[in-house]
Amino acid sequence: MKSEDIPFEGGPMDGRVLPVLVGMTGHPPKTYRIPVPAAAGRPPAVLVYRRAPRTPSGGLGFARWKYVYEPGGAARRTGRRWPWSRPGSAPGATPGGKPDDAHG
């Protein structure tokens, strides 16, 4: 597996650079989760960092990445998000509004 040194901004990891495994496309994961062990009597925590592009420095235009701290954490999505899985958008679902309403 290939890895890339990626800087972290904000939060407890600010200013650190860690090697992160990249996928087949050469991109690191969109979110990076760091489990933090619990201190005496406290629940364990998870630091969440979101991938963001670094400022362009010229060159060939290849995307370089950094991780930015998400203080509230990111809501974890489960499963795939299909366009028809939103409420009211299933095939055959009736559209909202009144039948005689011109604006939907």
N, C-alpha and C. Protein backbone atom coordinates (compact mmCIF):
# COMPACT_ATOMS: atom_id res chain seq x y z
N MET A 1 0.84 -1.17 0.00
CA MET A 1 0.00 0.00 0.00
C MET A 1 0.89 1.24 0.00
N LYS A 2 0.38 2.27 -0.61
CA LYS A 2 1.11 3.52 -0.71
C LYS A 2 0.59 4.50 0.34
N SER A 3 1.47 5.32 0.88
CA SER A 3 1.05 6.32 1.85
C SER A 3 1.60 7.68 1.45
N GLU A 4 0.98 8.72 2.02
CA GLU A 4 1.38 10.09 1.73
C GLU A 4 1.42 10.85 3.05
N ASP A 5 2.43 11.71 3.23
CA ASP A 5 2.51 12.53 4.44
C ASP A 5 1.52 13.67 4.33
N ILE A 6 0.56 13.74 5.26
CA ILE A 6 -0.51 14.73 5.20
C ILE A 6 -0.52 15.54 6.49
N PRO A 7 -0.55 16.89 6.37
CA PRO A 7 -0.59 17.73 7.57
C PRO A 7 -1.99 17.81 8.17
N PHE A 8 -2.05 18.04 9.49
CA PHE A 8 -3.31 18.19 10.21
C PHE A 8 -3.40 19.62 10.71
N GLU A 9 -4.60 20.23 10.59
CA GLU A 9 -4.82 21.60 11.05
C GLU A 9 -5.93 21.62 12.08
N GLY A 10 -5.70 22.35 13.17
CA GLY A 10 -6.71 22.51 14.21
C GLY A 10 -6.76 21.33 15.16
N GLY A 11 -7.38 21.57 16.30
CA GLY A 11 -7.55 20.51 17.28
C GLY A 11 -6.25 20.06 17.91
N PRO A 12 -6.26 18.94 18.59
CA PRO A 12 -5.07 18.45 19.28
C PRO A 12 -3.93 18.04 18.35
N MET A 13 -4.22 17.75 17.10
CA MET A 13 -3.19 17.29 16.16
C MET A 13 -2.61 18.43 15.32
N ASP A 14 -2.89 19.68 15.68
CA ASP A 14 -2.48 20.83 14.88
C ASP A 14 -0.97 20.87 14.69
N GLY A 15 -0.56 20.99 13.43
CA GLY A 15 0.84 21.10 13.09
C GLY A 15 1.56 19.77 12.89
N ARG A 16 0.91 18.68 13.16
CA ARG A 16 1.55 17.37 12.98
C ARG A 16 1.35 16.88 11.55
N VAL A 17 2.28 16.07 11.11
CA VAL A 17 2.21 15.45 9.79
C VAL A 17 2.30 13.95 9.99
N LEU A 18 1.30 13.23 9.47
CA LEU A 18 1.26 11.78 9.63
C LEU A 18 1.21 11.11 8.26
N PRO A 19 1.82 9.92 8.14
CA PRO A 19 1.64 9.17 6.89
C PRO A 19 0.26 8.51 6.88
N VAL A 20 -0.50 8.76 5.81
CA VAL A 20 -1.86 8.24 5.69
C VAL A 20 -1.91 7.38 4.43
N LEU A 21 -2.51 6.20 4.56
CA LEU A 21 -2.65 5.32 3.40
C LEU A 21 -3.58 5.95 2.38
N VAL A 22 -3.20 5.87 1.12
CA VAL A 22 -4.04 6.39 0.04
C VAL A 22 -4.65 5.22 -0.71
N GLY A 23 -5.79 5.48 -1.35
CA GLY A 23 -6.49 4.43 -2.08
C GLY A 23 -5.92 4.23 -3.47
N MET A 24 -6.65 3.48 -4.28
CA MET A 24 -6.20 3.18 -5.63
C MET A 24 -6.13 4.43 -6.50
N THR A 25 -6.93 5.43 -6.20
CA THR A 25 -6.92 6.67 -6.98
C THR A 25 -5.86 7.65 -6.51
N GLY A 26 -5.19 7.33 -5.40
CA GLY A 26 -4.16 8.21 -4.87
C GLY A 26 -4.69 9.22 -3.88
N HIS A 27 -5.97 9.12 -3.51
CA HIS A 27 -6.57 10.05 -2.56
C HIS A 27 -6.64 9.40 -1.18
N PRO A 28 -6.41 10.19 -0.13
CA PRO A 28 -6.60 9.68 1.23
C PRO A 28 -8.09 9.62 1.55
N PRO A 29 -8.49 8.99 2.66
CA PRO A 29 -9.92 8.93 3.01
C PRO A 29 -10.49 10.33 3.24
N LYS A 30 -11.81 10.48 3.04
CA LYS A 30 -12.46 11.78 3.21
C LYS A 30 -12.48 12.21 4.67
N THR A 31 -12.61 11.26 5.57
CA THR A 31 -12.53 11.58 7.00
C THR A 31 -11.48 10.68 7.64
N TYR A 32 -10.83 11.23 8.65
CA TYR A 32 -9.80 10.50 9.38
C TYR A 32 -10.20 10.53 10.84
N ARG A 33 -10.44 9.39 11.43
CA ARG A 33 -10.88 9.28 12.82
C ARG A 33 -9.74 8.77 13.69
N ILE A 34 -9.50 9.48 14.80
CA ILE A 34 -8.43 9.11 15.72
C ILE A 34 -9.07 8.77 17.06
N PRO A 35 -9.07 7.49 17.48
CA PRO A 35 -9.64 7.15 18.79
C PRO A 35 -8.70 7.61 19.91
N VAL A 36 -9.29 8.22 20.93
CA VAL A 36 -8.54 8.69 22.09
C VAL A 36 -8.98 7.87 23.28
N PRO A 37 -8.06 7.18 23.96
CA PRO A 37 -8.46 6.37 25.11
C PRO A 37 -9.02 7.24 26.23
N ALA A 38 -9.89 6.64 27.01
CA ALA A 38 -10.57 7.35 28.09
C ALA A 38 -9.65 7.52 29.30
N ALA A 39 -9.75 8.70 29.90
CA ALA A 39 -9.05 8.92 31.17
C ALA A 39 -9.91 8.29 32.28
N ALA A 40 -9.45 8.35 33.48
CA ALA A 40 -10.15 7.70 34.59
C ALA A 40 -11.57 8.25 34.73
N GLY A 41 -12.56 7.38 34.50
CA GLY A 41 -13.95 7.75 34.68
C GLY A 41 -14.58 8.53 33.54
N ARG A 42 -13.88 8.77 32.46
CA ARG A 42 -14.42 9.53 31.34
C ARG A 42 -14.66 8.60 30.16
N PRO A 43 -15.64 8.93 29.33
CA PRO A 43 -15.89 8.08 28.16
C PRO A 43 -14.81 8.29 27.09
N PRO A 44 -14.54 7.28 26.28
CA PRO A 44 -13.54 7.45 25.21
C PRO A 44 -14.06 8.44 24.17
N ALA A 45 -13.15 9.10 23.51
CA ALA A 45 -13.50 10.11 22.51
C ALA A 45 -12.90 9.73 21.17
N VAL A 46 -13.41 10.34 20.12
CA VAL A 46 -12.89 10.14 18.77
C VAL A 46 -12.70 11.51 18.14
N LEU A 47 -11.47 11.81 17.72
CA LEU A 47 -11.20 13.05 17.01
C LEU A 47 -11.51 12.82 15.54
N VAL A 48 -12.23 13.74 14.93
CA VAL A 48 -12.62 13.60 13.53
C VAL A 48 -11.99 14.73 12.74
N TYR A 49 -11.28 14.37 11.67
CA TYR A 49 -10.68 15.33 10.76
C TYR A 49 -11.25 15.10 9.37
N ARG A 50 -11.54 16.20 8.66
CA ARG A 50 -12.12 16.15 7.32
C ARG A 50 -11.05 16.54 6.30
N ARG A 51 -11.01 15.83 5.18
CA ARG A 51 -10.05 16.10 4.11
C ARG A 51 -10.42 17.40 3.40
N ALA A 52 -9.41 18.23 3.13
CA ALA A 52 -9.61 19.48 2.41
C ALA A 52 -8.41 19.69 1.49
N PRO A 53 -8.59 20.36 0.36
CA PRO A 53 -7.45 20.62 -0.51
C PRO A 53 -6.52 21.67 0.09
N ARG A 54 -5.22 21.49 -0.11
CA ARG A 54 -4.25 22.51 0.31
C ARG A 54 -4.30 23.64 -0.69
N THR A 55 -3.73 24.76 -0.31
CA THR A 55 -3.70 25.89 -1.25
C THR A 55 -2.81 25.53 -2.42
N PRO A 56 -3.22 25.85 -3.63
CA PRO A 56 -2.41 25.49 -4.80
C PRO A 56 -1.09 26.25 -4.80
N SER A 57 -0.04 25.55 -5.15
CA SER A 57 1.28 26.17 -5.19
C SER A 57 1.84 26.17 -6.61
N GLY A 58 0.95 26.21 -7.59
CA GLY A 58 1.42 26.15 -8.97
C GLY A 58 1.64 24.72 -9.37
N GLY A 59 2.65 24.47 -10.14
CA GLY A 59 2.97 23.10 -10.54
C GLY A 59 1.99 22.55 -11.54
N LEU A 60 1.80 21.24 -11.50
CA LEU A 60 0.97 20.57 -12.48
C LEU A 60 -0.51 20.52 -12.10
N GLY A 61 -0.87 20.98 -10.92
CA GLY A 61 -2.27 21.00 -10.53
C GLY A 61 -2.76 19.73 -9.88
N PHE A 62 -1.85 18.87 -9.44
CA PHE A 62 -2.28 17.67 -8.73
C PHE A 62 -2.84 18.08 -7.37
N ALA A 63 -3.88 17.42 -6.95
CA ALA A 63 -4.50 17.73 -5.67
C ALA A 63 -3.61 17.28 -4.53
N ARG A 64 -3.29 18.18 -3.66
CA ARG A 64 -2.58 17.87 -2.43
C ARG A 64 -3.58 18.09 -1.32
N TRP A 65 -3.52 17.27 -0.30
CA TRP A 65 -4.56 17.28 0.72
C TRP A 65 -4.01 17.63 2.08
N LYS A 66 -4.91 18.08 2.95
CA LYS A 66 -4.65 18.29 4.36
C LYS A 66 -5.91 17.85 5.10
N TYR A 67 -5.81 17.65 6.40
CA TYR A 67 -6.97 17.31 7.22
C TYR A 67 -7.27 18.47 8.15
N VAL A 68 -8.55 18.87 8.22
CA VAL A 68 -9.01 19.97 9.04
C VAL A 68 -9.89 19.41 10.15
N TYR A 69 -9.69 19.88 11.38
CA TYR A 69 -10.40 19.37 12.55
C TYR A 69 -11.88 19.71 12.49
N GLU A 70 -12.72 18.73 12.80
CA GLU A 70 -14.17 18.90 12.93
C GLU A 70 -14.49 18.83 14.43
N PRO A 71 -14.68 19.98 15.10
CA PRO A 71 -14.85 19.94 16.55
C PRO A 71 -16.08 19.17 17.03
N GLY A 72 -17.18 19.22 16.30
CA GLY A 72 -18.37 18.50 16.73
C GLY A 72 -18.39 17.06 16.26
N GLY A 73 -17.43 16.68 15.48
CA GLY A 73 -17.43 15.35 14.88
C GLY A 73 -18.37 15.32 13.69
N ALA A 74 -18.18 14.39 12.84
CA ALA A 74 -19.03 14.26 11.65
C ALA A 74 -20.04 13.15 11.90
N ALA A 75 -21.26 13.38 11.47
CA ALA A 75 -22.27 12.33 11.60
C ALA A 75 -21.89 11.18 10.68
N ARG A 76 -21.86 10.00 11.23
CA ARG A 76 -21.46 8.83 10.45
C ARG A 76 -22.65 8.34 9.63
N ARG A 77 -22.44 8.24 8.34
CA ARG A 77 -23.49 7.72 7.47
C ARG A 77 -23.35 6.21 7.40
N THR A 78 -24.46 5.54 7.42
CA THR A 78 -24.43 4.09 7.30
C THR A 78 -25.01 3.70 5.96
N GLY A 79 -24.31 2.88 5.25
CA GLY A 79 -24.80 2.40 3.96
C GLY A 79 -24.62 3.43 2.86
N ARG A 80 -25.12 3.10 1.71
CA ARG A 80 -25.01 3.98 0.55
C ARG A 80 -26.16 4.96 0.53
N ARG A 81 -25.93 6.08 -0.11
CA ARG A 81 -26.96 7.09 -0.23
C ARG A 81 -27.45 7.10 -1.67
N TRP A 82 -28.56 6.46 -1.90
CA TRP A 82 -29.14 6.43 -3.23
C TRP A 82 -30.09 7.60 -3.39
N PRO A 83 -30.21 8.16 -4.59
CA PRO A 83 -31.09 9.32 -4.77
C PRO A 83 -32.55 9.02 -4.45
N TRP A 84 -32.98 7.81 -4.64
CA TRP A 84 -34.38 7.48 -4.39
C TRP A 84 -34.63 7.08 -2.94
N SER A 85 -33.61 7.10 -2.09
CA SER A 85 -33.81 6.71 -0.71
C SER A 85 -34.22 7.89 0.18
N ARG A 86 -34.29 9.09 -0.38
CA ARG A 86 -34.75 10.24 0.40
C ARG A 86 -36.26 10.13 0.60
N PRO A 87 -36.77 10.62 1.71
CA PRO A 87 -38.22 10.54 1.95
C PRO A 87 -38.99 11.30 0.86
N GLY A 88 -40.00 10.67 0.31
CA GLY A 88 -40.84 11.31 -0.68
C GLY A 88 -40.31 11.27 -2.09
N SER A 89 -39.15 10.64 -2.31
CA SER A 89 -38.61 10.62 -3.66
C SER A 89 -38.61 9.21 -4.26
N ALA A 90 -39.31 8.30 -3.63
CA ALA A 90 -39.38 6.94 -4.15
C ALA A 90 -40.21 6.92 -5.42
N PRO A 91 -39.91 6.01 -6.36
CA PRO A 91 -40.71 5.93 -7.56
C PRO A 91 -42.17 5.64 -7.21
N GLY A 92 -43.08 6.41 -7.78
CA GLY A 92 -44.49 6.22 -7.53
C GLY A 92 -45.00 7.00 -6.33
N ALA A 93 -44.13 7.72 -5.63
CA ALA A 93 -44.57 8.51 -4.48
C ALA A 93 -45.30 9.75 -4.99
N THR A 94 -46.31 10.15 -4.25
CA THR A 94 -47.06 11.33 -4.65
C THR A 94 -46.26 12.58 -4.26
N PRO A 95 -46.23 13.59 -5.12
CA PRO A 95 -45.52 14.81 -4.80
C PRO A 95 -46.25 15.58 -3.71
N GLY A 96 -45.52 16.41 -2.99
CA GLY A 96 -46.12 17.21 -1.93
C GLY A 96 -46.99 18.31 -2.51
N GLY A 97 -47.76 18.95 -1.66
CA GLY A 97 -48.64 20.03 -2.09
C GLY A 97 -50.03 19.56 -2.39
N LYS A 98 -50.90 20.53 -2.69
CA LYS A 98 -52.29 20.22 -3.01
C LYS A 98 -52.42 19.92 -4.50
N PRO A 99 -53.42 19.14 -4.91
CA PRO A 99 -53.57 18.80 -6.31
C PRO A 99 -53.79 20.02 -7.21
N ASP A 100 -54.47 21.06 -6.73
CA ASP A 100 -54.75 22.23 -7.55
C ASP A 100 -53.72 23.34 -7.35
N ASP A 101 -52.69 23.09 -6.56
CA ASP A 101 -51.70 24.11 -6.28
C ASP A 101 -50.72 24.21 -7.45
N ALA A 102 -50.57 25.40 -8.03
CA ALA A 102 -49.69 25.58 -9.19
C ALA A 102 -48.22 25.61 -8.80
N HIS A 103 -47.94 25.88 -7.53
CA HIS A 103 -46.55 26.00 -7.09
C HIS A 103 -46.05 24.74 -6.38
N GLY A 104 -46.74 23.64 -6.47
CA GLY A 104 -46.26 22.38 -5.94
C GLY A 104 -46.62 22.15 -4.56
